[in-house]
Amino acid sequence: KYLSSFAKLIRKNLDSSMAKNNLVPLSDEIERLELYLSLEHMRFKTKFEYSIEIDPSLKTEFVEVPAMFMQPFVENSIWHGILPKNDTGKIEILIGYKENNDLFFLIKDNGIGVENSLKAKGIHQHQSKGINITSNRIDVLKRLTKKEFIIIGPLQINDINNEAKGTKVEIIMKRNSREKL
């Protein structure tokens, strides 16, 4: 099952590399993200649970987004936030509309937080370049597609005692006034 899912993920990644302007239907991006999360969940069964919630009014097959733009943030949630925890973590992904019908993507975890992750030593620490690569790709896409993308985070979430209780990243894809939804 793992190899079959991995092969499907690789095929989807190869298909997206041929996409016009590197944009793919949101439905494909969600499927790719679900494949990635299911593979990591197979590897780390007891370490995390995940959910993906999509606004039911969002027609995901007609909305185009950059290929693999959420995956590096989800990967960081798993590797830097959840795996160093002593108990089971949770990753939540919310996709929907904001004001002005801008697309909104929220990736949130209940991991150890940004500050603790930066201090962490050992097996769970590695050099992550995914977020920088994604930011650079989005800068290029802004120029190619004339779409505006805003990335807020990663930001640490603290409880009332100012203790880390997770991390979140918000991505906003501004709707062009001429675009149809």
Protein backbone atom coordinates (compact mmCIF):
# COMPACT_ATOMS: atom_id res chain seq x y z
CA LYS A 1 0.00 0.00 0.00
CA TYR A 2 2.84 2.36 0.88
CA LEU A 3 4.68 1.77 -2.42
CA SER A 4 1.47 2.12 -4.42
CA SER A 5 0.63 5.43 -2.74
CA PHE A 6 4.21 6.65 -3.14
CA ALA A 7 4.17 5.80 -6.86
CA LYS A 8 0.88 7.68 -7.27
CA LEU A 9 2.36 10.71 -5.49
CA ILE A 10 5.42 10.65 -7.77
CA ARG A 11 3.17 10.44 -10.86
CA LYS A 12 1.11 13.41 -9.63
CA ASN A 13 4.30 15.40 -9.02
CA LEU A 14 5.56 14.60 -12.53
CA ASP A 15 2.19 15.54 -14.04
CA SER A 16 2.20 18.88 -12.24
CA SER A 17 5.67 19.67 -13.57
CA MET A 18 4.07 19.86 -17.02
CA ALA A 19 1.24 22.16 -15.90
CA LYS A 20 0.80 25.49 -17.63
CA ASN A 21 2.40 28.25 -15.51
CA ASN A 22 2.91 25.56 -12.82
CA LEU A 23 -0.76 25.96 -11.83
CA VAL A 24 -2.94 22.92 -11.14
CA PRO A 25 -6.57 22.47 -10.13
CA LEU A 26 -7.00 22.78 -6.37
CA SER A 27 -8.67 19.34 -6.41
CA ASP A 28 -5.36 17.84 -7.69
CA GLU A 29 -3.37 19.74 -5.08
CA ILE A 30 -5.65 18.47 -2.30
CA GLU A 31 -5.31 14.90 -3.59
CA ARG A 32 -1.51 15.28 -3.65
CA LEU A 33 -1.56 16.65 -0.09
CA GLU A 34 -3.76 13.78 1.09
CA LEU A 35 -1.38 11.28 -0.51
CA TYR A 36 1.61 12.90 1.18
CA LEU A 37 -0.12 12.98 4.58
CA SER A 38 -1.30 9.38 4.28
CA LEU A 39 2.26 8.25 3.46
CA GLU A 40 3.71 10.07 6.45
CA HIS A 41 0.89 8.74 8.63
CA MET A 42 1.75 5.18 7.53
CA ARG A 43 5.35 5.83 8.62
CA PHE A 44 4.49 7.49 11.93
CA LYS A 45 1.13 5.90 12.83
CA THR A 46 0.96 6.90 16.47
CA LYS A 47 2.65 10.30 16.14
CA PHE A 48 -0.10 12.34 14.47
CA GLU A 49 -3.61 12.63 13.14
CA TYR A 50 -4.67 15.04 10.44
CA SER A 51 -7.73 16.62 8.90
CA ILE A 52 -8.42 18.62 5.76
CA GLU A 53 -11.54 20.80 5.77
CA ILE A 54 -12.68 22.46 2.56
CA ASP A 55 -15.39 25.08 2.24
CA PRO A 56 -18.25 23.18 0.55
CA SER A 57 -18.96 26.15 -1.74
CA LEU A 58 -15.43 25.98 -3.15
CA LYS A 59 -15.37 24.34 -6.58
CA THR A 60 -11.90 22.85 -6.26
CA GLU A 61 -11.75 21.47 -9.80
CA PHE A 62 -12.07 25.00 -11.28
CA VAL A 63 -9.66 26.90 -9.01
CA GLU A 64 -6.00 26.89 -10.04
CA VAL A 65 -3.20 27.03 -7.46
CA PRO A 66 0.58 26.56 -7.56
CA ALA A 67 1.56 22.89 -7.55
CA MET A 68 2.91 21.63 -4.21
CA PHE A 69 2.70 25.02 -2.48
CA MET A 70 1.27 23.68 0.80
CA GLN A 71 3.38 20.52 1.12
CA PRO A 72 6.57 22.14 2.52
CA PHE A 73 4.58 23.78 5.32
CA VAL A 74 2.83 20.50 6.15
CA GLU A 75 6.18 18.71 6.08
CA ASN A 76 7.60 21.24 8.55
CA SER A 77 4.59 20.69 10.82
CA ILE A 78 5.32 16.98 10.88
CA TRP A 79 9.10 17.04 11.14
CA HIS A 80 9.71 20.11 13.28
CA GLY A 81 6.48 20.37 15.26
CA ILE A 82 4.88 16.96 15.72
CA LEU A 83 7.67 14.34 15.67
CA PRO A 84 9.64 15.94 18.55
CA LYS A 85 6.50 15.78 20.76
CA ASN A 86 6.11 13.06 23.35
CA ASP A 87 2.43 12.53 22.53
CA THR A 88 0.21 12.36 19.46
CA GLY A 89 -0.01 15.53 17.42
CA LYS A 90 -2.69 16.98 15.19
CA ILE A 91 -2.39 18.78 11.87
CA GLU A 92 -5.36 20.74 10.58
CA ILE A 93 -5.67 22.15 7.09
CA LEU A 94 -8.50 24.56 6.32
CA ILE A 95 -9.25 25.79 2.81
CA GLY A 96 -11.91 28.34 2.00
CA TYR A 97 -12.79 31.91 1.16
CA LYS A 98 -11.97 35.13 3.00
CA GLU A 99 -13.40 38.57 2.40
CA ASN A 100 -13.45 39.62 -1.27
CA ASN A 101 -13.53 35.90 -2.15
CA ASP A 102 -9.79 35.59 -1.69
CA LEU A 103 -8.70 31.98 -1.21
CA PHE A 104 -7.48 31.17 2.28
CA PHE A 105 -5.30 28.23 3.32
CA LEU A 106 -4.49 27.54 6.98
CA ILE A 107 -2.00 24.88 8.07
CA LYS A 108 -2.02 24.50 11.83
CA ASP A 109 -0.47 22.00 14.21
CA ASN A 110 -0.30 21.42 17.95
CA GLY A 111 3.42 20.67 17.87
CA ILE A 112 6.25 22.03 19.98
CA GLY A 113 6.19 25.49 18.38
CA VAL A 114 8.67 27.48 16.34
CA GLU A 115 10.89 28.59 19.23
CA ASN A 116 11.24 25.09 20.71
CA SER A 117 11.85 23.63 17.26
CA LEU A 118 14.70 26.06 16.65
CA LYS A 119 16.26 25.00 19.97
CA ALA A 120 15.75 21.26 19.31
CA LYS A 121 18.76 19.06 18.76
CA GLY A 122 19.00 15.49 17.54
CA ILE A 123 17.31 13.21 15.05
CA HIS A 124 14.35 15.44 14.21
CA GLN A 125 16.43 18.41 13.13
CA HIS A 126 17.36 18.84 9.49
CA GLN A 127 18.01 21.69 7.08
CA SER A 128 14.62 22.62 5.63
CA LYS A 129 14.75 24.42 2.33
CA GLY A 130 11.15 23.72 1.29
CA ILE A 131 9.69 26.97 2.59
CA ASN A 132 12.37 29.09 0.90
CA ILE A 133 11.89 27.21 -2.36
CA THR A 134 8.12 27.63 -2.11
CA SER A 135 8.46 31.36 -1.37
CA ASN A 136 10.75 31.78 -4.39
CA ARG A 137 8.35 29.80 -6.61
CA ILE A 138 5.44 31.95 -5.47
CA ASP A 139 7.44 35.11 -6.28
CA VAL A 140 7.95 33.78 -9.81
CA LEU A 141 4.26 32.82 -10.07
CA LYS A 142 3.24 36.32 -9.01
CA ARG A 143 5.10 37.67 -12.03
CA LEU A 144 3.85 34.99 -14.44
CA THR A 145 0.19 34.86 -13.39
CA LYS A 146 -0.31 38.39 -12.03
CA LYS A 147 -1.86 36.77 -8.93
CA GLU A 148 -0.99 38.00 -5.48
CA PHE A 149 -0.03 35.45 -2.82
CA ILE A 150 0.51 36.34 0.82
CA ILE A 151 2.26 33.95 3.22
CA ILE A 152 1.88 34.72 6.92
CA GLY A 153 4.07 32.57 9.11
CA PRO A 154 5.13 30.19 10.29
CA LEU A 155 3.86 31.73 13.53
CA GLN A 156 3.98 30.16 16.95
CA ILE A 157 0.67 29.64 18.74
CA ASN A 158 0.89 30.16 22.52
CA ASP A 159 -1.54 29.33 25.30
CA ILE A 160 -2.62 31.76 28.04
CA ASN A 161 0.59 31.00 29.98
CA ASN A 162 2.65 31.96 26.91
CA GLU A 163 3.68 28.32 26.44
CA ALA A 164 4.01 27.01 22.88
CA LYS A 165 1.05 24.97 21.74
CA GLY A 166 1.70 24.79 18.01
CA THR A 167 2.43 26.60 14.79
CA LYS A 168 0.33 28.01 11.98
CA VAL A 169 0.87 29.25 8.46
CA GLU A 170 -1.71 31.23 6.54
CA ILE A 171 -1.57 31.52 2.77
CA ILE A 172 -3.87 33.93 0.98
CA MET A 173 -4.33 33.88 -2.77
CA LYS A 174 -5.84 37.21 -3.73
CA ARG A 175 -8.61 37.02 -6.29
CA ASN A 176 -8.09 39.09 -9.39
CA SER A 177 -11.16 41.32 -9.90
CA ARG A 178 -11.65 39.81 -13.39
CA GLU A 179 -11.55 36.21 -12.18
CA LYS A 180 -14.68 34.11 -12.00
CA LEU A 181 -15.18 31.78 -9.07
